[in-house]
Protein backbone atom coordinates (compact mmCIF):
# COMPACT_ATOMS: atom_id res chain seq x y z
CA MET A 1 128.84 140.68 115.51
CA GLU A 2 131.00 143.78 115.59
CA GLY A 3 132.15 143.50 111.99
CA ILE A 4 134.71 141.97 109.68
CA VAL A 5 138.52 142.04 109.62
CA ALA A 6 139.98 141.62 106.14
CA LYS A 7 143.58 141.15 105.02
CA ARG A 8 145.20 141.49 101.63
CA ALA A 9 145.63 137.92 100.42
CA ASP A 10 149.26 138.44 99.40
CA SER A 11 150.39 140.37 102.51
CA ALA A 12 152.23 139.03 105.55
CA TYR A 13 150.86 138.65 109.07
CA HIS A 14 152.30 141.68 110.91
CA GLN A 15 151.69 142.38 114.60
CA TYR A 16 150.96 146.05 114.03
CA ARG A 17 148.46 148.22 112.19
CA SER A 18 148.89 148.26 108.43
CA PRO A 19 147.00 149.37 105.30
CA ASP A 20 147.02 145.69 104.40
CA TRP A 21 144.41 145.10 107.12
CA LEU A 22 140.90 146.55 107.10
CA LYS A 23 138.36 146.62 109.91
CA VAL A 24 134.86 146.92 108.50
CA LYS A 25 132.48 147.71 111.33
CA CYS A 26 128.82 146.77 111.45
CA LEU A 27 127.24 150.05 112.56
CA LYS A 28 123.83 150.68 114.09
CA GLN A 29 121.63 153.76 113.76
CA GLN A 30 118.55 155.11 115.51
CA GLU A 31 116.99 158.31 116.85
CA PHE A 32 117.70 159.72 120.31
CA VAL A 33 116.25 162.58 122.32
CA ILE A 34 118.65 165.40 123.24
CA GLY A 35 118.46 166.22 126.96
CA GLY A 36 121.56 168.33 127.51
CA TYR A 37 124.99 169.35 126.31
CA SER A 38 128.47 169.86 127.74
CA LYS A 39 130.63 172.95 127.38
CA PRO A 40 133.15 173.05 124.51
CA GLU A 41 136.89 172.55 125.04
CA GLY A 42 139.89 173.81 123.11
CA ALA A 43 139.00 175.37 119.75
CA ARG A 44 135.53 173.81 119.71
CA VAL A 45 132.63 176.28 119.50
CA GLY A 46 129.03 175.89 120.61
CA PHE A 47 129.09 172.76 122.74
CA GLY A 48 131.29 169.77 123.47
CA ALA A 49 128.91 166.81 123.31
CA LEU A 50 125.18 166.11 123.32
CA LEU A 51 123.67 164.09 126.18
CA VAL A 52 121.03 161.84 124.65
CA GLY A 53 118.46 159.26 125.68
CA TYR A 54 115.27 157.40 124.83
CA TYR A 55 111.85 156.94 126.42
CA ASP A 56 110.86 153.88 128.41
CA ASN A 57 107.38 153.84 130.00
CA GLY A 58 107.28 157.63 129.95
CA ASP A 59 110.76 158.11 131.49
CA LEU A 60 113.71 159.56 129.57
CA ILE A 61 116.61 157.12 129.99
CA TYR A 62 120.17 158.39 129.57
CA ALA A 63 122.08 156.55 126.82
CA GLY A 64 125.39 158.43 126.63
CA LYS A 65 126.92 161.45 124.97
CA VAL A 66 127.67 162.19 121.33
CA GLY A 67 130.74 164.32 120.65
CA THR A 68 131.56 163.63 117.01
CA GLY A 69 129.91 164.02 113.62
CA PHE A 70 129.35 167.77 113.78
CA THR A 71 130.37 170.36 111.20
CA SER A 72 131.01 174.00 112.10
CA GLN A 73 127.65 174.92 110.64
CA THR A 74 125.87 172.14 112.56
CA LEU A 75 127.46 173.29 115.81
CA ARG A 76 126.29 176.88 115.29
CA GLU A 77 122.75 176.00 114.25
CA LEU A 78 122.24 173.33 116.89
CA THR A 79 123.66 175.54 119.65
CA ALA A 80 121.06 178.21 118.82
CA GLU A 81 118.26 175.64 119.08
CA LEU A 82 119.58 174.23 122.34
CA LYS A 83 119.85 177.64 124.02
CA LYS A 84 116.15 178.22 123.38
CA ARG A 85 115.33 175.12 125.44
CA GLN A 86 117.54 175.52 128.53
CA ILE A 87 116.12 174.23 131.83
CA ASP A 88 117.47 173.98 135.38
CA LYS A 89 117.12 170.25 136.10
CA SER A 90 118.10 167.08 134.29
CA PRO A 91 115.26 165.60 132.19
CA PHE A 92 116.75 162.11 132.53
CA LYS A 93 115.39 159.63 135.05
CA ASN A 94 118.91 158.24 135.52
CA ALA A 95 120.90 161.47 135.36
CA PRO A 96 124.53 160.65 134.41
CA ARG A 97 126.94 160.65 137.33
CA GLY A 98 129.82 163.10 137.48
CA TYR A 99 128.16 165.88 135.47
CA LYS A 100 126.95 168.01 138.36
CA GLY A 101 128.87 171.28 138.37
CA ARG A 102 130.95 170.27 135.34
CA GLY A 103 129.59 172.65 132.74
CA VAL A 104 126.55 170.65 131.61
CA THR A 105 123.46 172.53 130.43
CA TRP A 106 120.12 170.71 130.51
CA VAL A 107 117.48 171.29 127.82
CA LYS A 108 113.84 170.44 127.29
CA PRO A 109 113.73 166.98 125.68
CA GLU A 110 112.20 168.14 122.41
CA LEU A 111 114.92 167.79 119.77
CA VAL A 112 115.50 164.39 118.15
CA GLY A 113 118.80 163.48 116.56
CA GLU A 114 119.84 160.59 114.32
CA VAL A 115 122.91 158.84 115.78
CA GLU A 116 125.17 156.18 114.31
CA PHE A 117 127.00 153.94 116.79
CA SER A 118 128.85 150.64 116.96
CA GLU A 119 126.97 148.89 119.76
CA TRP A 120 125.32 149.14 123.17
CA THR A 121 127.60 148.61 126.16
CA SER A 122 126.66 146.29 129.00
CA ASP A 123 125.59 149.27 131.12
CA GLY A 124 123.27 150.66 128.45
CA ARG A 125 125.52 153.27 126.88
CA LEU A 126 126.29 154.01 123.24
CA ARG A 127 129.73 153.01 122.02
CA GLN A 128 131.45 155.28 119.45
CA PRO A 129 128.37 157.38 118.65
CA SER A 130 128.40 159.90 115.80
CA PHE A 131 125.78 162.58 115.11
CA GLN A 132 124.07 162.31 111.72
CA GLY A 133 121.52 165.13 111.86
CA LEU A 134 118.26 166.31 113.40
CA ARG A 135 114.97 164.48 112.80
CA GLU A 136 112.13 166.98 112.55
CA ASP A 137 109.59 164.37 111.44
CA LYS A 138 109.48 162.31 114.63
CA PRO A 139 108.07 163.43 118.02
CA ALA A 140 110.46 163.00 120.91
CA LYS A 141 107.97 160.93 122.93
CA GLU A 142 108.00 158.25 120.22
CA VAL A 143 111.74 157.61 120.53
CA VAL A 144 112.39 154.27 122.25
CA ARG A 145 115.34 151.90 122.34
CA GLU A 146 115.20 149.87 119.16
CA MET A 147 115.89 146.17 119.56
CA PRO A 148 116.89 143.85 116.70
CA LYS A 149 114.35 141.23 115.78
CA PRO A 150 115.47 137.60 115.60
CA GLN A 151 116.01 136.38 112.07
CA ALA A 152 113.39 133.96 110.81
CA LYS A 153 114.63 130.40 110.59
CA THR A 154 115.00 129.01 107.08
CA ARG A 155 115.12 125.43 105.98
CA LYS A 156 118.65 124.41 105.11
CA THR A 157 119.12 122.82 101.69
CA LYS A 158 122.11 121.00 100.38
CA ALA A 159 123.79 122.46 97.36
CA ARG A 160 124.03 120.37 94.20
CA ARG A 161 127.42 119.42 92.92
CA PRO A 162 128.11 120.60 89.37
CA ASP A 163 127.54 117.14 87.85
CA GLN A 164 124.45 116.34 89.94
CA ARG A 165 121.25 115.85 87.95
CA GLU A 166 117.84 117.22 88.88
CA GLY A 167 116.24 114.92 91.48
CA GLU A 168 119.44 112.94 92.08
CA ALA A 169 120.47 112.49 95.70
CA PRO A 170 123.57 114.45 96.64
CA ALA A 171 126.71 112.46 97.13
CA GLU A 172 127.97 111.84 100.64
CA PRO A 173 131.00 113.94 101.50
CA LYS A 174 134.34 112.23 101.41
CA THR A 175 135.77 111.46 104.81
CA ARG A 176 139.37 111.80 105.95
CA ALA A 177 141.24 109.90 108.56
CA LYS A 178 141.65 113.13 110.55
CA ARG A 179 139.29 116.06 110.33
CA ARG A 180 140.22 119.63 111.03
CA SER A 181 138.49 121.39 113.87
CA ASN A 182 135.80 123.85 112.84
CA LYS A 183 136.98 126.18 115.62
CA PRO A 184 139.05 129.01 114.11
CA ALA A 185 142.42 129.86 115.54
CA THR A 186 142.34 133.16 117.46
CA VAL A 187 145.33 135.47 117.34
CA ARG A 188 145.18 138.98 118.82
CA GLN A 189 147.21 140.88 116.23
CA ARG A 190 147.19 144.18 118.14
CA SER A 191 148.09 142.77 121.53
CA ILE A 192 151.07 144.53 123.10
CA GLY A 193 151.04 142.70 126.41
CA SER A 194 149.79 139.58 128.13
CA SER A 195 146.19 139.22 129.19
CA LYS A 196 143.70 136.61 130.27
CA LYS A 197 140.03 136.76 129.37
CA THR A 198 137.34 135.73 131.84
CA ALA A 199 134.02 134.10 131.10
CA ALA A 200 132.24 137.39 131.87
CA GLY A 201 133.99 139.11 128.97
CA GLU A 202 136.46 140.83 131.26
CA THR A 203 140.23 140.74 130.98
CA THR A 204 142.82 140.16 133.68
CA ILE A 205 146.10 142.04 133.16
CA ALA A 206 148.92 142.01 135.73
CA GLY A 207 146.47 140.30 138.07
CA VAL A 208 143.96 143.17 137.81
CA ARG A 209 140.42 142.68 136.54
CA VAL A 210 139.79 145.07 133.63
CA THR A 211 136.10 145.54 132.90
CA ASN A 212 134.84 146.68 129.48
CA PRO A 213 138.24 145.94 127.89
CA GLY A 214 136.87 146.74 124.43
CA ARG A 215 135.83 150.28 125.35
CA VAL A 216 137.46 152.64 122.85
CA LEU A 217 139.41 155.37 124.63
CA TYR A 218 141.05 156.90 121.54
CA PRO A 219 138.38 156.66 118.82
CA GLU A 220 140.53 158.19 116.06
CA ASP A 221 142.97 155.27 116.35
CA GLY A 222 140.73 152.58 117.80
CA PHE A 223 142.88 152.11 120.92
CA THR A 224 140.88 150.39 123.64
CA LYS A 225 141.02 150.13 127.39
CA GLN A 226 142.74 146.77 127.01
CA ASP A 227 145.34 148.27 124.65
CA LEU A 228 146.13 150.93 127.24
CA ALA A 229 146.39 148.42 130.10
CA GLU A 230 148.66 146.18 128.03
CA TYR A 231 150.85 149.16 127.10
CA TYR A 232 151.44 150.00 130.76
CA GLU A 233 152.13 146.37 131.59
CA ARG A 234 154.73 146.25 128.82
CA VAL A 235 156.52 149.49 129.78
CA ALA A 236 156.15 149.00 133.54
CA ASP A 237 159.91 148.70 134.14
CA TRP A 238 160.42 152.06 132.40
CA ILE A 239 157.62 154.11 133.95
CA LEU A 240 157.47 152.78 137.51
CA PRO A 241 160.66 154.50 138.78
CA TYR A 242 159.04 157.86 137.98
CA VAL A 243 155.61 157.25 139.52
CA ILE A 244 155.78 154.76 142.39
CA LYS A 245 155.62 156.00 145.98
CA ARG A 246 154.73 159.52 144.85
CA PRO A 247 151.46 161.40 145.35
CA LEU A 248 149.60 161.36 142.05
CA THR A 249 147.18 163.65 140.31
CA LEU A 250 145.18 161.72 137.73
CA VAL A 251 143.33 162.81 134.61
CA ARG A 252 140.43 160.39 134.35
CA CYS A 253 138.39 159.99 131.17
CA PRO A 254 136.19 156.91 131.76
CA GLU A 255 134.63 157.14 128.29
CA GLY A 256 137.75 158.12 126.36
CA HIS A 257 139.70 161.29 125.65
CA THR A 258 136.82 162.83 123.65
CA GLY A 259 134.42 162.38 126.56
CA GLU A 260 134.08 164.10 129.90
CA CYS A 261 137.40 164.16 131.79
CA PHE A 262 138.26 165.30 135.30
CA PHE A 263 141.24 165.62 137.64
CA GLN A 264 141.48 163.51 140.77
CA LYS A 265 144.16 163.72 143.43
CA HIS A 266 142.36 162.91 146.68
CA ILE A 267 141.01 159.50 147.61
CA THR A 268 137.22 159.43 147.49
CA GLY A 269 135.45 156.30 148.63
CA THR A 270 137.16 152.92 148.66
CA LEU A 271 140.18 151.97 146.58
CA PRO A 272 141.42 148.59 145.35
CA ASN A 273 144.24 147.11 147.41
CA THR A 274 146.65 147.83 144.53
CA LEU A 275 146.48 151.55 145.42
CA HIS A 276 147.24 153.29 148.69
CA GLY A 277 146.89 156.71 150.26
CA VAL A 278 149.55 159.30 151.11
CA PRO A 279 148.50 161.66 153.94
CA ILE A 280 149.36 165.28 153.09
CA LYS A 281 148.49 168.48 154.96
CA GLU A 282 146.49 170.77 152.75
CA LYS A 283 144.53 173.91 153.66
CA GLY A 284 144.65 173.22 157.36
CA GLN A 285 143.61 169.58 157.16
CA GLU A 286 145.08 166.23 156.27
CA VAL A 287 143.95 164.59 153.01
CA ASP A 288 144.98 161.36 151.31
CA TYR A 289 146.52 161.42 147.84
CA ILE A 290 146.52 158.37 145.55
CA ALA A 291 149.77 156.43 145.13
CA ILE A 292 150.91 153.11 143.64
CA ASN A 293 153.72 150.61 144.22
CA ASP A 294 153.79 148.31 141.21
CA THR A 295 152.45 147.22 137.81
CA ALA A 296 149.14 146.13 139.31
CA GLY A 297 148.71 149.68 140.55
CA LEU A 298 149.32 151.04 137.05
CA VAL A 299 146.71 148.75 135.53
CA SER A 300 144.26 149.63 138.31
CA LEU A 301 144.56 153.28 137.26
CA VAL A 302 143.65 152.28 133.71
CA GLN A 303 140.67 150.35 135.07
CA MET A 304 139.60 153.67 136.64
CA GLY A 305 139.75 155.35 133.23
CA THR A 306 143.02 157.21 133.85
CA LEU A 307 144.67 158.64 130.72
CA GLU A 308 147.33 160.86 132.35
CA LEU A 309 149.57 160.39 135.39
CA HIS A 310 150.98 163.52 137.05
CA PRO A 311 153.30 162.67 139.97
CA TRP A 312 154.55 165.13 142.56
CA PRO A 313 158.25 165.98 142.22
CA ALA A 314 158.60 164.54 145.73
CA ARG A 315 158.41 161.07 147.23
CA GLU A 316 155.85 159.96 149.78
CA ASP A 317 158.39 159.43 152.56
CA ASN A 318 159.13 163.18 152.60
CA VAL A 319 156.70 165.24 150.55
CA GLU A 320 158.21 168.50 151.83
CA ARG A 321 161.51 167.96 150.03
CA PRO A 322 161.23 167.94 146.20
CA ASP A 323 163.71 165.94 144.12
CA TYR A 324 163.50 167.25 140.54
CA LEU A 325 162.69 170.42 138.60
CA VAL A 326 160.54 170.50 135.46
CA PHE A 327 160.53 173.29 132.88
CA ASP A 328 157.84 173.09 130.21
CA LEU A 329 158.72 174.95 127.01
CA ASP A 330 155.27 175.72 125.61
CA PRO A 331 155.32 177.35 122.15
CA GLY A 332 152.82 180.13 121.51
CA GLU A 333 151.25 180.92 118.16
CA GLY A 334 153.74 182.28 115.68
CA THR A 335 156.64 180.17 116.95
CA THR A 336 158.29 177.29 115.10
CA TRP A 337 159.68 173.95 116.13
CA LYS A 338 163.13 175.37 115.39
CA ASP A 339 162.43 178.02 118.06
CA VAL A 340 161.54 175.31 120.60
CA ILE A 341 164.74 173.38 119.88
CA ARG A 342 166.77 176.55 120.28
CA GLY A 343 165.06 177.32 123.58
CA ALA A 344 165.74 173.84 124.95
CA ASN A 345 169.42 174.02 124.05
CA GLU A 346 169.78 177.50 125.54
CA MET A 347 168.21 176.39 128.82
CA ARG A 348 170.47 173.36 128.87
CA GLU A 349 173.55 175.56 128.39
CA LEU A 350 172.35 177.95 131.09
CA LEU A 351 171.91 175.16 133.64
CA GLU A 352 175.13 173.42 132.68
CA SER A 353 177.01 176.70 133.21
CA VAL A 354 176.51 176.20 136.98
CA GLY A 355 177.15 172.46 136.87
CA PHE A 356 173.64 171.02 136.53
CA THR A 357 173.02 167.89 134.47
CA THR A 358 169.73 168.09 132.56
CA PHE A 359 167.41 165.55 130.95
CA LEU A 360 165.07 165.99 127.99
CA ARG A 361 161.53 164.71 127.41
CA THR A 362 158.98 165.10 124.63
CA SER A 363 155.79 166.32 126.28
CA GLY A 364 153.33 164.33 124.19
CA GLY A 365 151.67 167.69 123.55
CA LYS A 366 153.17 170.74 121.84
CA GLY A 367 156.53 171.33 123.50
CA LEU A 368 159.47 169.90 125.39
CA HIS A 369 160.23 169.29 129.06
CA ILE A 370 163.64 169.85 130.61
CA VAL A 371 163.96 167.89 133.85
CA VAL A 372 166.67 168.47 136.46
CA PRO A 373 167.17 165.99 139.33
CA ILE A 374 167.88 167.73 142.65
CA ASP A 375 169.04 166.39 146.00
CA ARG A 376 166.28 166.43 148.60
CA ARG A 377 167.60 169.33 150.67
CA THR A 378 165.53 172.25 149.42
CA THR A 379 162.26 173.64 150.76
CA TRP A 380 159.35 174.20 148.41
CA GLU A 381 159.72 177.97 148.74
CA ASP A 382 163.39 177.96 147.70
CA PHE A 383 162.66 175.35 145.06
CA LYS A 384 160.05 177.52 143.35
CA GLN A 385 162.18 180.66 143.65
CA PHE A 386 165.13 178.92 141.99
CA ALA A 387 162.94 177.74 139.09
CA LYS A 388 161.55 181.26 138.69
CA SER A 389 165.02 182.79 138.62
CA ILE A 390 166.02 180.53 135.69
CA ALA A 391 162.89 181.43 133.71
CA ASP A 392 163.34 185.12 134.50
CA LYS A 393 166.98 185.10 133.37
CA MET A 394 166.03 183.60 130.00
CA THR A 395 163.28 186.16 129.48
CA ARG A 396 165.58 189.03 130.46
CA GLU A 397 168.23 187.92 127.97
CA ALA A 398 165.78 187.27 125.11
CA PRO A 399 162.46 189.06 125.83
CA ASP A 400 161.50 188.80 122.17
CA ARG A 401 161.59 184.99 122.30
CA TYR A 402 160.61 183.97 125.84
CA ILE A 403 157.92 184.80 128.36
CA ALA A 404 157.46 183.52 131.91
CA THR A 405 153.94 184.79 132.65
CA MET A 406 150.77 182.81 132.05
CA SER A 407 149.02 185.51 129.99
CA LYS A 408 148.11 183.84 126.69
CA ALA A 409 147.53 187.24 125.07
CA LYS A 410 151.25 188.02 125.42
CA ARG A 411 152.56 184.65 124.19
CA HIS A 412 152.26 185.25 120.42
CA GLY A 413 155.62 184.61 118.79
CA LYS A 414 157.16 183.53 122.10
CA ILE A 415 157.84 180.38 124.11
CA PHE A 416 156.22 180.26 127.53
CA ILE A 417 158.72 178.93 130.09
CA ASP A 418 156.38 177.27 132.56
CA TYR A 419 158.26 177.07 135.85
CA LEU A 420 155.08 177.03 137.96
CA ARG A 421 155.06 173.24 138.07
CA ASN A 422 157.84 173.53 140.64
CA GLN A 423 155.77 174.33 143.70
CA ARG A 424 154.00 172.38 146.39
CA GLY A 425 150.96 170.60 144.97
CA ALA A 426 151.80 171.32 141.33
CA THR A 427 152.64 168.46 138.97
CA ALA A 428 153.82 167.63 135.45
CA ILE A 429 153.11 164.66 133.23
CA ALA A 430 155.11 161.53 134.10
CA SER A 431 157.72 160.06 131.79
CA TYR A 432 156.08 157.29 129.71
CA SER A 433 152.56 158.42 130.66
CA THR A 434 149.95 158.68 127.94
CA ARG A 435 148.27 161.99 127.18
CA ARG A 436 144.61 162.85 126.84
CA ARG A 437 145.09 163.67 123.18
CA GLN A 438 144.32 162.20 119.80
CA GLY A 439 146.79 159.47 118.90
CA ALA A 440 147.48 158.25 122.47
CA ALA A 441 150.73 160.23 122.53
CA VAL A 442 153.25 159.46 125.28
CA ALA A 443 155.60 161.82 127.15
CA THR A 444 158.93 160.20 126.28
CA PRO A 445 162.48 160.65 127.61
CA ILE A 446 165.00 161.16 124.80
CA ALA A 447 168.73 161.83 124.62
CA TRP A 448 169.89 165.35 123.85
CA ASP A 449 171.50 164.22 120.61
CA GLU A 450 168.09 162.92 119.46
CA LEU A 451 166.69 166.45 119.43
CA THR A 452 166.60 167.39 115.75
CA ALA A 453 164.28 169.08 113.28
CA ARG A 454 162.67 165.67 112.69
CA THR A 455 161.77 165.22 116.36
CA ARG A 456 158.21 166.00 117.32
CA PRO A 457 156.68 166.39 120.81
CA ASP A 458 153.92 163.87 120.02
CA MET A 459 155.93 161.47 117.87
CA PHE A 460 155.73 158.56 120.34
CA ASN A 461 152.52 156.74 121.26
CA ILE A 462 151.40 153.47 122.81
CA LYS A 463 151.90 151.71 119.47
CA ASN A 464 155.43 152.74 118.48
CA LEU A 465 157.03 153.48 121.86
CA PRO A 466 157.39 149.81 122.94
CA LYS A 467 159.27 149.17 119.68
CA ARG A 468 161.60 152.08 120.43
CA LEU A 469 162.30 150.76 123.92
CA ASP A 470 163.06 147.29 122.57
CA LYS A 471 165.67 148.74 120.20
CA LEU A 472 167.36 151.16 122.62
CA LYS A 473 170.95 150.27 123.38
CA LYS A 474 170.96 152.61 126.38
CA ASP A 475 168.31 154.29 128.49
CA PRO A 476 168.60 158.03 127.69
CA TRP A 477 167.82 158.75 131.35
CA ALA A 478 170.01 155.99 132.79
CA ASP A 479 171.78 158.40 135.16
CA PHE A 480 168.69 160.29 136.28
CA PHE A 481 168.54 158.83 139.80
CA SER A 482 172.30 158.69 140.35
CA VAL A 483 173.05 162.36 139.60
CA ARG A 484 173.91 164.35 142.71
CA GLN A 485 173.36 168.11 142.47
CA SER A 486 171.89 170.66 144.86
CA ILE A 487 170.43 174.14 144.86
CA THR A 488 172.87 176.27 146.82
CA ALA A 489 173.24 179.96 147.56
CA LYS A 490 175.94 180.09 144.87
CA THR A 491 173.79 178.56 142.14
CA GLN A 492 170.85 180.72 143.18
CA ALA A 493 172.96 183.87 142.96
CA ALA A 494 174.14 182.93 139.44
CA PHE A 495 170.67 183.58 138.03
CA GLU A 496 169.77 186.74 139.92
């Protein structure tokens, strides 16, 4: 079994995570052959994850990737060893799909690593693997998939009662008029939505079949694929107005946010009937973007391993007329949260000076988003130019605090005003969408009077956001779709 869940005997039964509950996992461990590695991301050095496998009848079988358990020293030393063994082709018989051209380097299958993991998945992959160290005492060709041996049967004996004498027959148990069932009651303490389990171990949520519901997508917090699907089912009424009937760009991470992730915007292959295509002209040809209509569509995206939803700021019935602006205030090194708050308020005042109503959103990352609904009368060219003029005005008035160019080398001590999301084909994270970050943070609309020193851009996640929504007396973006405001020659001239 997977392990044991224990509760403090004197604590209450809460439907949320608590120090009063402990999950003690039963972990497995064995050696695996290293056949490749992925490129590092963010501040990681050396490599991102190891691609490992085992031998079966002389063939190296891919078993998954290991991205945790490394120290800085391990990363440096192991990277040096891996670079000595680089080869051009995959050594695996069943080379993992989706890695071609995605920064994977193959190596001679000579190094053997000890890996700790929770279990094997149904498709022969390691779940929650963690690197423990290299094994220099075992040849790679001897590494096979280790299978547990069945436990030997033992003869059951009846325990003596305290007053039973040696050789005396045990007393028959007392019977009751009504016996309790031996079947334990099952209560899903972490469930945040409704679901129905099938006999095949799958889960049906919002009418959508979710396979591998126990797959951990956020290993630091233990949030699973089912948790994510149930989150979207629960907040469907809040998120759907911002994502339905819009072309979507997806960030898909089938094995979790620490695994390999990729963007997808075009339809490739067949799609479930809960999704549909939006034809858009792009580079001289017509391509189909992914779009959804309802909660089933949301859950289908989770089934595909989607962790982020980025909608176009335009609806599918007229993709050439955008309907809202997004400004991302991205703090560079050397800036403080106080600086970000000041920047958001200054941009709000600037836009309100020409009559624009603005809305605020935590990004789920490092900064804040200011979103401005716009009537669908503006071309993409004018739309982008207007956004640029606002960013340029702020940088002209405070060049020591703001920057509107993408050069990271120049961002130290400044806030990057990212206006480039306001152009054809560009997108920003959707309100109430999760992020591909530790903690399953959610981009969350907030009221302007909620923006204080205690606010944080990643303060809301799939665990605490539903509670916030249940307690809200008013939607902070209640007027978002009813506001009527346009980009005119007068407003454009105000920022030039």
